[in-house]
Amino acid sequence: MLSKVKIRYAKKILRRIKTGLMAAMTLTAGYFLSAFAISYAEEVDVFQLRRIEVRGNIILPRSELVDTMAIPVTGSIFGVDLAEVQKRLETLNYVYGVRVGRLLPHTIFVDVVENEPLAYVAGPEFFVVTAEGRALPLPHGRHELELPTLSGVPSAMQALDAGYIDGHAQLEQACAILKFLRSGYPQLYEELSEMVFGVSGEVNLYLAESSTVVRLGDQDIEGRIAALSAFLLTVRGKRGLMDYAYIDLRYNQQIVVRERA
């Protein structure tokens, strides 16, 4: 004869089994109901693709992105292979990252993160270097972006062939300087027209509005840019960049300037 303890334990086990069976039945029913609802909605065109939403693109036109996606113009949004669409978009120049998803009831959306162009590189063929270390052809084959130009790097075309600037010392140095300027001294970056590497590796900056030459030399570039900023602060209200033909920062503990006539 079973003891009362054993009877209570058996009832407890039976309750757990019953609860588990009810949960499984609920989940199964929910699955089939969901599948039926989606199937029915597709039959009545509730999820018919009606819109492709592209967000985040500045350099790449929407038309190029949509053409690359190659999504059929008819059909359900659930018939779109999102992974395949993302793979196609990632082959485009200037695409750093992309996210593709569905927005019920009838939209496919694309969030694009583009590479950040830093400068044009002058040579037999112009191209663009980006903050991510990419070397890319001109967008649409034209100078459409307001960027400074990098000159005096005769072997730069090797980077364009590779698609990256890794291993090219001057391009890596130039990108580091440009990123330093853009983040710490955005006004100087905005006014920069051209960065020129001399034959000995010295760096000169040419400012667009004033045609002023800033001579940085070939060492401690970031420190000299900081010194330039401090100098401009001391003369603010009395002198501006347009008042100088050149500013020479190659000497220790001094800044040599030449004022315009």
Protein backbone atom coordinates (compact mmCIF):
# COMPACT_ATOMS: atom_id res chain seq x y z
CA MET A 1 0.00 0.00 0.00
CA LEU A 2 1.34 3.45 -1.01
CA SER A 3 2.16 5.87 1.73
CA LYS A 4 0.57 9.33 1.82
CA VAL A 5 3.93 10.92 0.99
CA LYS A 6 4.31 8.83 -2.13
CA ILE A 7 0.72 9.60 -3.20
CA ARG A 8 1.29 13.34 -2.80
CA TYR A 9 4.56 13.10 -4.79
CA ALA A 10 2.82 11.20 -7.59
CA LYS A 11 0.06 13.82 -7.79
CA LYS A 12 2.70 16.57 -7.93
CA ILE A 13 4.43 14.84 -10.86
CA LEU A 14 1.11 14.41 -12.67
CA ARG A 15 0.31 18.12 -12.25
CA ARG A 16 3.70 19.04 -13.74
CA ILE A 17 3.15 16.69 -16.69
CA LYS A 18 -0.31 18.17 -17.27
CA THR A 19 1.04 21.72 -17.12
CA GLY A 20 3.84 20.84 -19.55
CA LEU A 21 1.42 19.21 -21.98
CA MET A 22 -0.90 22.24 -21.88
CA ALA A 23 2.02 24.61 -22.55
CA ALA A 24 3.24 22.46 -25.44
CA MET A 25 -0.25 22.35 -26.91
CA THR A 26 -0.57 26.13 -26.56
CA LEU A 27 2.77 26.72 -28.27
CA THR A 28 1.93 24.29 -31.07
CA ALA A 29 -1.45 25.89 -31.58
CA GLY A 30 0.11 29.35 -31.54
CA TYR A 31 2.68 28.29 -34.13
CA PHE A 32 0.06 26.91 -36.47
CA LEU A 33 -2.20 29.91 -35.96
CA SER A 34 0.70 32.28 -36.70
CA ALA A 35 1.67 30.34 -39.80
CA PHE A 36 -1.96 30.33 -40.93
CA ALA A 37 -2.31 34.07 -40.27
CA ILE A 38 0.84 34.89 -42.28
CA SER A 39 -0.19 32.58 -45.09
CA TYR A 40 -3.68 34.10 -45.22
CA ALA A 41 -2.29 37.65 -45.07
CA GLU A 42 0.02 36.87 -47.99
CA GLU A 43 -2.88 35.48 -49.96
CA VAL A 44 -4.84 38.72 -49.55
CA ASP A 45 -1.74 40.88 -50.28
CA VAL A 46 -1.45 42.39 -46.80
CA PHE A 47 2.33 41.85 -46.92
CA GLN A 48 2.73 42.75 -50.57
CA LEU A 49 5.98 44.72 -51.08
CA ARG A 50 5.01 48.33 -51.75
CA ARG A 51 7.96 50.38 -50.47
CA ILE A 52 11.75 50.22 -50.15
CA GLU A 53 13.03 52.68 -47.55
CA VAL A 54 16.73 53.67 -47.74
CA ARG A 55 18.27 55.56 -44.81
CA GLY A 56 21.71 56.94 -43.97
CA ASN A 57 23.10 57.32 -47.50
CA ILE A 58 24.83 60.59 -48.41
CA ILE A 59 27.35 59.65 -51.10
CA LEU A 60 25.54 56.75 -52.73
CA PRO A 61 22.27 57.63 -54.50
CA ARG A 62 19.14 55.76 -53.57
CA SER A 63 18.73 54.54 -57.15
CA GLU A 64 22.12 52.77 -57.09
CA LEU A 65 21.34 51.08 -53.78
CA VAL A 66 17.89 49.92 -54.91
CA ASP A 67 19.24 48.62 -58.23
CA THR A 68 21.95 46.66 -56.38
CA MET A 69 19.37 45.12 -54.04
CA ALA A 70 17.66 43.55 -57.11
CA ILE A 71 14.40 42.90 -55.26
CA PRO A 72 11.48 41.69 -57.43
CA VAL A 73 8.86 44.40 -57.87
CA THR A 74 6.07 41.98 -56.98
CA GLY A 75 5.68 39.52 -54.15
CA SER A 76 5.57 39.40 -50.38
CA ILE A 77 8.15 41.08 -48.15
CA PHE A 78 8.63 37.64 -46.58
CA GLY A 79 9.82 36.36 -49.94
CA VAL A 80 12.84 38.71 -49.87
CA ASP A 81 16.13 37.05 -48.86
CA LEU A 82 17.48 39.72 -46.49
CA ALA A 83 20.91 38.09 -46.12
CA GLU A 84 21.39 38.00 -49.88
CA VAL A 85 20.32 41.64 -50.25
CA GLN A 86 22.77 42.68 -47.55
CA LYS A 87 25.56 40.73 -49.25
CA ARG A 88 24.92 42.54 -52.54
CA LEU A 89 24.95 45.97 -50.92
CA GLU A 90 28.22 45.26 -49.10
CA THR A 91 29.98 44.93 -52.46
CA LEU A 92 29.45 48.63 -53.22
CA ASN A 93 32.23 51.16 -52.77
CA TYR A 94 31.63 53.56 -49.86
CA VAL A 95 29.45 51.04 -48.01
CA TYR A 96 31.02 50.46 -44.59
CA GLY A 97 28.09 48.55 -43.15
CA VAL A 98 24.44 47.86 -43.90
CA ARG A 99 21.37 46.49 -42.16
CA VAL A 100 18.33 45.18 -44.04
CA GLY A 101 14.99 44.38 -42.46
CA ARG A 102 11.21 44.19 -42.83
CA LEU A 103 8.82 46.83 -41.60
CA LEU A 104 5.29 45.46 -41.49
CA PRO A 105 3.08 45.42 -43.34
CA HIS A 106 4.66 46.24 -46.71
CA THR A 107 8.16 47.82 -46.42
CA ILE A 108 11.75 46.63 -46.79
CA PHE A 109 14.17 49.04 -45.10
CA VAL A 110 17.91 49.51 -45.58
CA ASP A 111 20.14 51.35 -43.07
CA VAL A 112 23.45 52.28 -44.71
CA VAL A 113 26.65 53.34 -42.95
CA GLU A 114 29.07 54.85 -45.46
CA ASN A 115 32.83 55.21 -45.31
CA GLU A 116 33.91 58.72 -44.24
CA PRO A 117 36.01 60.39 -46.98
CA LEU A 118 38.98 62.40 -45.69
CA ALA A 119 40.76 63.67 -48.81
CA TYR A 120 41.32 63.31 -52.51
CA VAL A 121 44.67 61.86 -53.50
CA ALA A 122 46.30 63.50 -56.53
CA GLY A 123 48.18 61.42 -59.06
CA PRO A 124 47.81 59.95 -62.55
CA GLU A 125 44.29 59.09 -61.37
CA PHE A 126 42.50 60.79 -58.48
CA PHE A 127 40.94 58.72 -55.73
CA VAL A 128 39.60 59.13 -52.19
CA VAL A 129 41.05 57.98 -48.87
CA THR A 130 38.65 57.39 -45.99
CA ALA A 131 38.80 57.46 -42.20
CA GLU A 132 38.49 53.65 -42.22
CA GLY A 133 41.69 53.26 -44.24
CA ARG A 134 40.02 52.58 -47.59
CA ALA A 135 41.29 53.79 -50.97
CA LEU A 136 38.29 54.21 -53.25
CA PRO A 137 37.60 55.54 -56.76
CA LEU A 138 35.94 58.93 -57.07
CA PRO A 139 32.20 58.68 -56.43
CA HIS A 140 30.49 58.62 -59.83
CA GLY A 141 33.86 59.43 -61.38
CA ARG A 142 33.69 63.10 -60.35
CA HIS A 143 35.00 65.44 -57.64
CA GLU A 144 31.64 65.79 -55.91
CA LEU A 145 32.81 66.00 -52.31
CA GLU A 146 34.21 69.07 -50.58
CA LEU A 147 37.52 67.58 -49.45
CA PRO A 148 41.14 68.68 -49.23
CA THR A 149 43.63 67.21 -51.69
CA LEU A 150 46.69 65.16 -50.76
CA SER A 151 49.70 65.64 -53.08
CA GLY A 152 53.31 64.52 -53.33
CA VAL A 153 52.73 60.78 -52.90
CA PRO A 154 53.95 59.29 -56.20
CA SER A 155 53.34 55.65 -55.24
CA ALA A 156 49.78 56.22 -53.99
CA MET A 157 48.21 54.31 -56.89
CA GLN A 158 49.37 51.08 -55.26
CA ALA A 159 46.85 51.75 -52.48
CA LEU A 160 44.01 52.24 -54.96
CA ASP A 161 44.88 48.93 -56.62
CA ALA A 162 44.74 47.23 -53.22
CA GLY A 163 41.65 49.11 -52.04
CA TYR A 164 43.33 49.91 -48.70
CA ILE A 165 46.10 52.20 -47.46
CA ASP A 166 47.62 49.57 -45.13
CA GLY A 167 51.38 49.39 -45.64
CA HIS A 168 51.64 52.76 -47.36
CA ALA A 169 53.46 54.90 -44.79
CA GLN A 170 52.73 58.34 -46.25
CA LEU A 171 49.04 57.68 -46.80
CA GLU A 172 48.70 56.25 -43.30
CA GLN A 173 50.47 59.32 -41.88
CA ALA A 174 48.31 61.68 -43.95
CA CYS A 175 45.10 60.00 -42.75
CA ALA A 176 46.26 60.19 -39.13
CA ILE A 177 46.96 63.92 -39.52
CA LEU A 178 43.64 64.58 -41.23
CA LYS A 179 41.68 62.67 -38.58
CA PHE A 180 43.57 64.57 -35.87
CA LEU A 181 42.67 67.87 -37.55
CA ARG A 182 39.06 66.95 -38.12
CA SER A 183 38.42 65.82 -34.55
CA GLY A 184 40.55 68.33 -32.63
CA TYR A 185 40.70 71.36 -34.93
CA PRO A 186 37.66 71.16 -37.23
CA GLN A 187 37.98 74.79 -38.38
CA LEU A 188 41.49 74.15 -39.69
CA TYR A 189 40.29 70.98 -41.42
CA GLU A 190 37.44 72.90 -43.05
CA GLU A 191 39.86 75.57 -44.28
CA LEU A 192 42.40 73.06 -45.57
CA SER A 193 42.75 73.07 -49.36
CA GLU A 194 45.77 70.83 -49.85
CA MET A 195 48.29 68.78 -47.88
CA VAL A 196 51.59 68.39 -49.70
CA PHE A 197 54.40 65.95 -48.88
CA GLY A 198 57.82 67.29 -49.85
CA VAL A 199 60.61 65.14 -51.27
CA SER A 200 62.12 64.74 -47.79
CA GLY A 201 58.80 63.86 -46.16
CA GLU A 202 58.02 67.31 -44.76
CA VAL A 203 54.35 68.26 -44.59
CA ASN A 204 52.92 71.58 -45.76
CA LEU A 205 49.30 72.67 -45.42
CA TYR A 206 47.70 75.11 -47.86
CA LEU A 207 44.60 76.86 -46.55
CA ALA A 208 41.82 77.57 -49.01
CA GLU A 209 40.42 80.96 -48.08
CA SER A 210 43.69 82.69 -47.24
CA SER A 211 46.21 80.81 -49.44
CA THR A 212 48.36 80.67 -46.32
CA VAL A 213 51.07 77.99 -46.19
CA VAL A 214 51.56 76.19 -42.87
CA ARG A 215 54.95 74.45 -42.72
CA LEU A 216 54.86 71.53 -40.30
CA GLY A 217 58.15 69.79 -41.11
CA ASP A 218 58.54 66.04 -40.79
CA GLN A 219 58.21 65.32 -37.07
CA ASP A 220 55.88 65.95 -34.11
CA ILE A 221 53.14 66.98 -36.52
CA GLU A 222 50.34 66.80 -33.95
CA GLY A 223 52.32 68.92 -31.47
CA ARG A 224 52.95 71.54 -34.14
CA ILE A 225 49.29 71.66 -35.11
CA ALA A 226 48.44 72.24 -31.44
CA ALA A 227 51.04 75.04 -31.36
CA LEU A 228 49.45 76.58 -34.45
CA SER A 229 46.04 76.57 -32.78
CA ALA A 230 47.48 78.17 -29.65
CA PHE A 231 49.20 80.83 -31.77
CA LEU A 232 45.97 81.68 -33.59
CA LEU A 233 44.23 82.08 -30.24
CA THR A 234 46.86 84.58 -29.04
CA VAL A 235 46.44 86.79 -32.12
CA ARG A 236 42.67 86.49 -32.35
CA GLY A 237 41.09 89.88 -32.85
CA LYS A 238 44.37 91.35 -34.11
CA ARG A 239 45.43 88.99 -36.87
CA GLY A 240 43.85 86.17 -38.83
CA LEU A 241 45.11 83.48 -41.17
CA MET A 242 44.58 85.75 -44.16
CA ASP A 243 47.14 88.18 -42.74
CA TYR A 244 49.98 85.66 -43.14
CA ALA A 245 51.71 84.45 -46.30
CA TYR A 246 53.15 81.54 -44.31
CA ILE A 247 53.41 80.19 -40.78
CA ASP A 248 56.51 78.09 -40.13
CA LEU A 249 56.40 75.69 -37.17
CA ARG A 250 59.55 73.70 -37.91
CA TYR A 251 61.64 75.33 -35.19
CA ASN A 252 61.71 74.48 -31.50
CA GLN A 253 60.12 76.97 -29.13
CA GLN A 254 59.29 79.50 -31.85
CA ILE A 255 56.90 80.21 -34.69
CA VAL A 256 58.14 82.10 -37.72
CA VAL A 257 55.55 84.02 -39.72
CA ARG A 258 55.54 86.29 -42.71
CA GLU A 259 52.77 88.83 -42.96
CA ARG A 260 51.31 89.79 -46.27
CA ALA A 261 52.32 93.14 -47.69
